[in-house]
PDB file of N, CA and C in Angstrom:
ATOM      1  N   UNK A   1      17.335   3.088   2.344  1.00  0.00           N
ATOM      2  CA  UNK A   1      16.951   2.582   1.042  1.00  0.00           C
ATOM      3  C   UNK A   1      16.178   1.277   1.238  1.00  0.00           C
ATOM      4  N   UNK A   2      15.073   1.156   0.541  1.00  0.00           N
ATOM      5  CA  UNK A   2      14.249  -0.045   0.626  1.00  0.00           C
ATOM      6  C   UNK A   2      14.722  -1.041  -0.428  1.00  0.00           C
ATOM      7  N   UNK A   3      14.949  -2.255  -0.012  1.00  0.00           N
ATOM      8  CA  UNK A   3      15.339  -3.319  -0.930  1.00  0.00           C
ATOM      9  C   UNK A   3      14.079  -3.840  -1.637  1.00  0.00           C
ATOM     10  N   UNK A   4      14.167  -4.179  -2.920  1.00  0.00           N
ATOM     11  CA  UNK A   4      12.987  -4.651  -3.659  1.00  0.00           C
ATOM     12  C   UNK A   4      12.255  -5.808  -2.983  1.00  0.00           C
ATOM     13  N   UNK A   5      12.985  -6.748  -2.405  1.00  0.00           N
ATOM     14  CA  UNK A   5      12.320  -7.895  -1.762  1.00  0.00           C
ATOM     15  C   UNK A   5      11.585  -7.510  -0.486  1.00  0.00           C
ATOM     16  N   UNK A   6      11.909  -6.350   0.100  1.00  0.00           N
ATOM     17  CA  UNK A   6      11.249  -5.898   1.325  1.00  0.00           C
ATOM     18  C   UNK A   6       9.944  -5.160   1.040  1.00  0.00           C
ATOM     19  N   UNK A   7       9.760  -4.661  -0.180  1.00  0.00           N
ATOM     20  CA  UNK A   7       8.588  -3.837  -0.506  1.00  0.00           C
ATOM     21  C   UNK A   7       7.280  -4.582  -0.241  1.00  0.00           C
ATOM     22  N   UNK A   8       7.143  -5.811  -0.697  1.00  0.00           N
ATOM     23  CA  UNK A   8       5.902  -6.562  -0.493  1.00  0.00           C
ATOM     24  C   UNK A   8       5.688  -6.881   0.984  1.00  0.00           C
ATOM     25  N   UNK A   9       6.743  -7.196   1.688  1.00  0.00           N
ATOM     26  CA  UNK A   9       6.641  -7.516   3.127  1.00  0.00           C
ATOM     27  C   UNK A   9       6.084  -6.332   3.919  1.00  0.00           C
ATOM     28  N   UNK A  10       6.321  -5.118   3.447  1.00  0.00           N
ATOM     29  CA  UNK A  10       5.860  -3.927   4.163  1.00  0.00           C
ATOM     30  C   UNK A  10       4.343  -3.799   4.185  1.00  0.00           C
ATOM     31  N   UNK A  11       3.629  -4.607   3.383  1.00  0.00           N
ATOM     32  CA  UNK A  11       2.168  -4.587   3.395  1.00  0.00           C
ATOM     33  C   UNK A  11       1.588  -5.525   4.443  1.00  0.00           C
ATOM     34  N   UNK A  12       2.427  -6.260   5.141  1.00  0.00           N
ATOM     35  CA  UNK A  12       1.973  -7.132   6.223  1.00  0.00           C
ATOM     36  C   UNK A  12       1.834  -6.303   7.499  1.00  0.00           C
ATOM     37  N   UNK A  13       0.849  -6.615   8.355  1.00  0.00           N
ATOM     38  CA  UNK A  13       0.655  -5.841   9.593  1.00  0.00           C
ATOM     39  C   UNK A  13       1.903  -5.820  10.473  1.00  0.00           C
ATOM     40  N   UNK A  14       2.167  -4.673  11.041  1.00  0.00           N
ATOM     41  CA  UNK A  14       3.243  -4.431  12.020  1.00  0.00           C
ATOM     42  C   UNK A  14       4.653  -4.579  11.455  1.00  0.00           C
ATOM     43  N   UNK A  15       4.796  -4.566  10.140  1.00  0.00           N
ATOM     44  CA  UNK A  15       6.116  -4.704   9.532  1.00  0.00           C
ATOM     45  C   UNK A  15       6.822  -3.359   9.451  1.00  0.00           C
ATOM     46  N   UNK A  16       8.092  -3.383   9.727  1.00  0.00           N
ATOM     47  CA  UNK A  16       8.953  -2.205   9.642  1.00  0.00           C
ATOM     48  C   UNK A  16      10.242  -2.633   8.957  1.00  0.00           C
ATOM     49  N   UNK A  17      10.974  -1.656   8.458  1.00  0.00           N
ATOM     50  CA  UNK A  17      12.249  -1.983   7.811  1.00  0.00           C
ATOM     51  C   UNK A  17      13.299  -2.421   8.810  1.00  0.00           C
ATOM     52  N   UNK A  18      13.246  -1.868   9.993  1.00  0.00           N
ATOM     53  CA  UNK A  18      14.209  -2.252  11.016  1.00  0.00           C
ATOM     54  C   UNK A  18      13.630  -3.413  11.810  1.00  0.00           C
ATOM     55  N   UNK A  19      14.434  -4.015  12.634  1.00  0.00           N
ATOM     56  CA  UNK A  19      13.978  -5.115  13.470  1.00  0.00           C
ATOM     57  C   UNK A  19      13.242  -4.647  14.718  1.00  0.00           C
ATOM     58  N   UNK A  20      13.025  -3.338  14.831  1.00  0.00           N
ATOM     59  CA  UNK A  20      12.381  -2.793  16.036  1.00  0.00           C
ATOM     60  C   UNK A  20      10.977  -3.348  16.201  1.00  0.00           C
ATOM     61  N   UNK A  21      10.639  -3.720  17.420  1.00  0.00           N
ATOM     62  CA  UNK A  21       9.305  -4.222  17.713  1.00  0.00           C
ATOM     63  C   UNK A  21       8.479  -3.214  18.491  1.00  0.00           C
ATOM     64  N   UNK A  22       9.075  -2.096  18.845  1.00  0.00           N
ATOM     65  CA  UNK A  22       8.337  -1.066  19.568  1.00  0.00           C
ATOM     66  C   UNK A  22       8.288   0.194  18.725  1.00  0.00           C
ATOM     67  N   UNK A  23       7.258   0.968  18.941  1.00  0.00           N
ATOM     68  CA  UNK A  23       7.068   2.190  18.176  1.00  0.00           C
ATOM     69  C   UNK A  23       7.865   3.333  18.770  1.00  0.00           C
ATOM     70  N   UNK A  24       8.413   4.154  17.897  1.00  0.00           N
ATOM     71  CA  UNK A  24       9.098   5.365  18.354  1.00  0.00           C
ATOM     72  C   UNK A  24       8.159   6.557  18.243  1.00  0.00           C
ATOM     73  N   UNK A  25       6.866   6.284  18.085  1.00  0.00           N
ATOM     74  CA  UNK A  25       5.879   7.338  17.957  1.00  0.00           C
ATOM     75  C   UNK A  25       5.565   7.673  16.508  1.00  0.00           C
ATOM     76  N   UNK A  26       6.236   7.024  15.568  1.00  0.00           N
ATOM     77  CA  UNK A  26       6.014   7.342  14.153  1.00  0.00           C
ATOM     78  C   UNK A  26       5.003   6.412  13.495  1.00  0.00           C
ATOM     79  N   UNK A  27       4.310   5.617  14.230  1.00  0.00           N
ATOM     80  CA  UNK A  27       3.289   4.733  13.672  1.00  0.00           C
ATOM     81  C   UNK A  27       3.412   3.319  14.206  1.00  0.00           C
ATOM     82  N   UNK A  28       2.414   2.528  13.879  1.00  0.00           N
ATOM     83  CA  UNK A  28       2.357   1.147  14.364  1.00  0.00           C
ATOM     84  C   UNK A  28       2.665   0.115  13.293  1.00  0.00           C
ATOM     85  N   UNK A  29       2.803   0.540  12.047  1.00  0.00           N
ATOM     86  CA  UNK A  29       3.053  -0.405  10.970  1.00  0.00           C
ATOM     87  C   UNK A  29       1.789  -1.044  10.449  1.00  0.00           C
ATOM     88  N   UNK A  30       0.659  -0.337  10.566  1.00  0.00           N
ATOM     89  CA  UNK A  30      -0.620  -0.889  10.108  1.00  0.00           C
ATOM     90  C   UNK A  30      -1.158  -0.208   8.850  1.00  0.00           C
ATOM     91  N   UNK A  31      -0.704   0.982   8.554  1.00  0.00           N
ATOM     92  CA  UNK A  31      -1.268   1.772   7.459  1.00  0.00           C
ATOM     93  C   UNK A  31      -1.293   1.062   6.127  1.00  0.00           C
ATOM     94  N   UNK A  32      -0.166   0.498   5.715  1.00  0.00           N
ATOM     95  CA  UNK A  32      -0.106  -0.169   4.411  1.00  0.00           C
ATOM     96  C   UNK A  32      -0.982  -1.412   4.377  1.00  0.00           C
ATOM     97  N   UNK A  33      -1.073  -2.155   5.473  1.00  0.00           N
ATOM     98  CA  UNK A  33      -1.923  -3.349   5.470  1.00  0.00           C
ATOM     99  C   UNK A  33      -3.402  -2.960   5.407  1.00  0.00           C
ATOM    100  N   UNK A  34      -3.768  -1.846   6.014  1.00  0.00           N
ATOM    101  CA  UNK A  34      -5.151  -1.359   5.942  1.00  0.00           C
ATOM    102  C   UNK A  34      -5.468  -0.914   4.518  1.00  0.00           C
ATOM    103  N   UNK A  35      -4.539  -0.193   3.903  1.00  0.00           N
ATOM    104  CA  UNK A  35      -4.737   0.235   2.508  1.00  0.00           C
ATOM    105  C   UNK A  35      -4.922  -0.979   1.611  1.00  0.00           C
ATOM    106  N   UNK A  36      -4.102  -2.000   1.791  1.00  0.00           N
ATOM    107  CA  UNK A  36      -4.218  -3.202   0.964  1.00  0.00           C
ATOM    108  C   UNK A  36      -5.576  -3.875   1.172  1.00  0.00           C
ATOM    109  N   UNK A  37      -6.043  -3.986   2.413  1.00  0.00           N
ATOM    110  CA  UNK A  37      -7.333  -4.625   2.689  1.00  0.00           C
ATOM    111  C   UNK A  37      -8.486  -3.859   2.037  1.00  0.00           C
ATOM    112  N   UNK A  38      -8.447  -2.539   2.110  1.00  0.00           N
ATOM    113  CA  UNK A  38      -9.498  -1.718   1.488  1.00  0.00           C
ATOM    114  C   UNK A  38      -9.435  -1.871  -0.028  1.00  0.00           C
ATOM    115  N   UNK A  39      -8.239  -1.815  -0.582  1.00  0.00           N
ATOM    116  CA  UNK A  39      -8.093  -1.958  -2.035  1.00  0.00           C
ATOM    117  C   UNK A  39      -8.627  -3.305  -2.507  1.00  0.00           C
ATOM    118  N   UNK A  40      -8.266  -4.378  -1.830  1.00  0.00           N
ATOM    119  CA  UNK A  40      -8.734  -5.709  -2.221  1.00  0.00           C
ATOM    120  C   UNK A  40     -10.245  -5.825  -2.105  1.00  0.00           C
ATOM    121  N   UNK A  41     -10.827  -5.229  -1.078  1.00  0.00           N
ATOM    122  CA  UNK A  41     -12.274  -5.286  -0.882  1.00  0.00           C
ATOM    123  C   UNK A  41     -13.029  -4.581  -2.010  1.00  0.00           C
ATOM    124  N   UNK A  42     -12.377  -3.637  -2.662  1.00  0.00           N
ATOM    125  CA  UNK A  42     -13.016  -2.868  -3.731  1.00  0.00           C
ATOM    126  C   UNK A  42     -12.498  -3.232  -5.118  1.00  0.00           C
ATOM    127  N   UNK A  43     -11.742  -4.316  -5.223  1.00  0.00           N
ATOM    128  CA  UNK A  43     -11.249  -4.762  -6.520  1.00  0.00           C
ATOM    129  C   UNK A  43     -10.156  -3.887  -7.104  1.00  0.00           C
ATOM    130  N   UNK A  44      -9.494  -3.112  -6.273  1.00  0.00           N
ATOM    131  CA  UNK A  44      -8.421  -2.226  -6.735  1.00  0.00           C
ATOM    132  C   UNK A  44      -7.099  -2.981  -6.808  1.00  0.00           C
ATOM    133  N   UNK A  45      -6.162  -2.400  -7.510  1.00  0.00           N
ATOM    134  CA  UNK A  45      -4.824  -2.961  -7.582  1.00  0.00           C
ATOM    135  C   UNK A  45      -3.847  -1.998  -6.928  1.00  0.00           C
ATOM    136  N   UNK A  46      -2.803  -2.556  -6.359  1.00  0.00           N
ATOM    137  CA  UNK A  46      -1.753  -1.757  -5.726  1.00  0.00           C
ATOM    138  C   UNK A  46      -0.448  -2.066  -6.441  1.00  0.00           C
ATOM    139  N   UNK A  47       0.262  -1.006  -6.781  1.00  0.00           N
ATOM    140  CA  UNK A  47       1.594  -1.203  -7.352  1.00  0.00           C
ATOM    141  C   UNK A  47       2.587  -0.360  -6.563  1.00  0.00           C
ATOM    142  N   UNK A  48       3.780  -0.877  -6.443  1.00  0.00           N
ATOM    143  CA  UNK A  48       4.832  -0.159  -5.728  1.00  0.00           C
ATOM    144  C   UNK A  48       6.003   0.102  -6.659  1.00  0.00           C
ATOM    145  N   UNK A  49       6.650   1.222  -6.424  1.00  0.00           N
ATOM    146  CA  UNK A  49       7.837   1.597  -7.169  1.00  0.00           C
ATOM    147  C   UNK A  49       8.881   2.045  -6.169  1.00  0.00           C
ATOM    148  N   UNK A  50      10.110   1.673  -6.414  1.00  0.00           N
ATOM    149  CA  UNK A  50      11.219   2.096  -5.566  1.00  0.00           C
ATOM    150  C   UNK A  50      12.006   3.168  -6.327  1.00  0.00           C
ATOM    151  N   UNK A  51      11.705   4.457  -6.078  1.00  0.00           N
ATOM    152  CA  UNK A  51      12.399   5.532  -6.783  1.00  0.00           C
ATOM    153  C   UNK A  51      13.904   5.495  -6.526  1.00  0.00           C
ATOM    154  N   UNK A  52      14.678   5.921  -7.509  1.00  0.00           N
ATOM    155  CA  UNK A  52      16.137   5.919  -7.390  1.00  0.00           C
ATOM    156  C   UNK A  52      16.614   6.762  -6.211  1.00  0.00           C
ATOM    157  N   UNK A  53      15.868   7.827  -5.893  1.00  0.00           N
ATOM    158  CA  UNK A  53      16.270   8.701  -4.787  1.00  0.00           C
ATOM    159  C   UNK A  53      15.897   8.145  -3.416  1.00  0.00           C
ATOM    160  N   UNK A  54      15.263   6.981  -3.394  1.00  0.00           N
ATOM    161  CA  UNK A  54      14.907   6.336  -2.136  1.00  0.00           C
ATOM    162  C   UNK A  54      13.426   6.433  -1.850  1.00  0.00           C
ATOM    163  N   UNK A  55      12.995   5.741  -0.827  1.00  0.00           N
ATOM    164  CA  UNK A  55      11.592   5.753  -0.442  1.00  0.00           C
ATOM    165  C   UNK A  55      10.797   4.673  -1.149  1.00  0.00           C
ATOM    166  N   UNK A  56       9.494   4.772  -1.028  1.00  0.00           N
ATOM    167  CA  UNK A  56       8.574   3.809  -1.614  1.00  0.00           C
ATOM    168  C   UNK A  56       7.386   4.575  -2.155  1.00  0.00           C
ATOM    169  N   UNK A  57       7.081   4.422  -3.430  1.00  0.00           N
ATOM    170  CA  UNK A  57       5.906   5.047  -4.033  1.00  0.00           C
ATOM    171  C   UNK A  57       4.838   3.968  -4.174  1.00  0.00           C
ATOM    172  N   UNK A  58       3.639   4.263  -3.696  1.00  0.00           N
ATOM    173  CA  UNK A  58       2.530   3.315  -3.744  1.00  0.00           C
ATOM    174  C   UNK A  58       1.406   3.937  -4.554  1.00  0.00           C
ATOM    175  N   UNK A  59       0.873   3.180  -5.509  1.00  0.00           N
ATOM    176  CA  UNK A  59      -0.263   3.649  -6.311  1.00  0.00           C
ATOM    177  C   UNK A  59      -1.401   2.662  -6.164  1.00  0.00           C
ATOM    178  N   UNK A  60      -2.586   3.185  -5.855  1.00  0.00           N
ATOM    179  CA  UNK A  60      -3.785   2.362  -5.735  1.00  0.00           C
ATOM    180  C   UNK A  60      -4.715   2.762  -6.873  1.00  0.00           C
ATOM    181  N   UNK A  61      -5.131   1.788  -7.677  1.00  0.00           N
ATOM    182  CA  UNK A  61      -6.005   2.045  -8.825  1.00  0.00           C
ATOM    183  C   UNK A  61      -7.321   1.310  -8.626  1.00  0.00           C
ATOM    184  N   UNK A  62      -8.390   2.086  -8.483  1.00  0.00           N
ATOM    185  CA  UNK A  62      -9.720   1.511  -8.327  1.00  0.00           C
ATOM    186  C   UNK A  62     -10.370   1.388  -9.700  1.00  0.00           C
ATOM    187  N   UNK A  63     -11.100   0.304  -9.936  1.00  0.00           N
ATOM    188  CA  UNK A  63     -11.761   0.155 -11.229  1.00  0.00           C
ATOM    189  C   UNK A  63     -12.933   1.133 -11.338  1.00  0.00           C
ATOM    190  N   UNK A  64     -13.207   1.552 -12.567  1.00  0.00           N
ATOM    191  CA  UNK A  64     -14.385   2.384 -12.802  1.00  0.00           C
ATOM    192  C   UNK A  64     -15.619   1.515 -12.535  1.00  0.00           C
ATOM    193  N   UNK A  65     -16.696   2.124 -12.101  1.00  0.00           N
ATOM    194  CA  UNK A  65     -17.914   1.355 -11.824  1.00  0.00           C
ATOM    195  C   UNK A  65     -19.010   1.780 -12.782  1.00  0.00           C
ATOM    196  N   UNK A  66     -19.929   0.856 -13.013  1.00  0.00           N
ATOM    197  CA  UNK A  66     -21.075   1.145 -13.881  1.00  0.00           C
ATOM    198  C   UNK A  66     -22.325   1.173 -13.011  1.00  0.00           C
ATOM    199  N   UNK A  67     -23.053   2.282 -13.113  1.00  0.00           N
ATOM    200  CA  UNK A  67     -24.324   2.400 -12.399  1.00  0.00           C
ATOM    201  C   UNK A  67     -25.358   2.951 -13.360  1.00  0.00           C
ATOM    202  N   UNK A  68     -26.460   2.291 -13.460  1.00  0.00           N
ATOM    203  CA  UNK A  68     -27.531   2.771 -14.330  1.00  0.00           C
ATOM    204  C   UNK A  68     -27.107   2.911 -15.781  1.00  0.00           C
ATOM    205  N   UNK A  69     -26.167   2.065 -16.221  1.00  0.00           N
ATOM    206  CA  UNK A  69     -25.773   2.076 -17.607  1.00  0.00           C
ATOM    207  C   UNK A  69     -24.713   3.098 -17.958  1.00  0.00           C
ATOM    208  N   UNK A  70     -24.369   3.996 -17.059  1.00  0.00           N
ATOM    209  CA  UNK A  70     -23.336   4.972 -17.376  1.00  0.00           C
ATOM    210  C   UNK A  70     -22.044   4.634 -16.658  1.00  0.00           C
ATOM    211  N   UNK A  71     -20.967   4.929 -17.307  1.00  0.00           N
ATOM    212  CA  UNK A  71     -19.654   4.652 -16.734  1.00  0.00           C
ATOM    213  C   UNK A  71     -19.276   5.758 -15.770  1.00  0.00           C
ATOM    214  N   UNK A  72     -18.882   5.364 -14.560  1.00  0.00           N
ATOM    215  CA  UNK A  72     -18.446   6.337 -13.557  1.00  0.00           C
ATOM    216  C   UNK A  72     -17.051   5.987 -13.127  1.00  0.00           C
ATOM    217  N   UNK A  73     -16.290   6.951 -12.881  1.00  0.00           N
ATOM    218  CA  UNK A  73     -14.915   6.742 -12.440  1.00  0.00           C
ATOM    219  C   UNK A  73     -14.179   8.064 -12.426  1.00  0.00           C
ATOM    220  N   UNK A  74     -12.882   7.984 -12.172  1.00  0.00           N
ATOM    221  CA  UNK A  74     -12.099   9.221 -12.084  1.00  0.00           C
ATOM    222  C   UNK A  74     -12.032   9.957 -13.401  1.00  0.00           C
TER     223      UNK A  74
END
């Protein structure tokens, strides 16, 4: 179970929930920090939710863009 105060820390490079400093082959702890950097570079927002059943839900929302006077977006 992820504690609410740990959710933001998980966006820092090489952060894991455990104190382990070596990889067990399941990743390096860079994915979330890369997502945050890309989102910030494009003016997107990131929100996290801690579902009751456990885990971490991450939502990235990119702003709609205007090109040639027309609104483009999802």
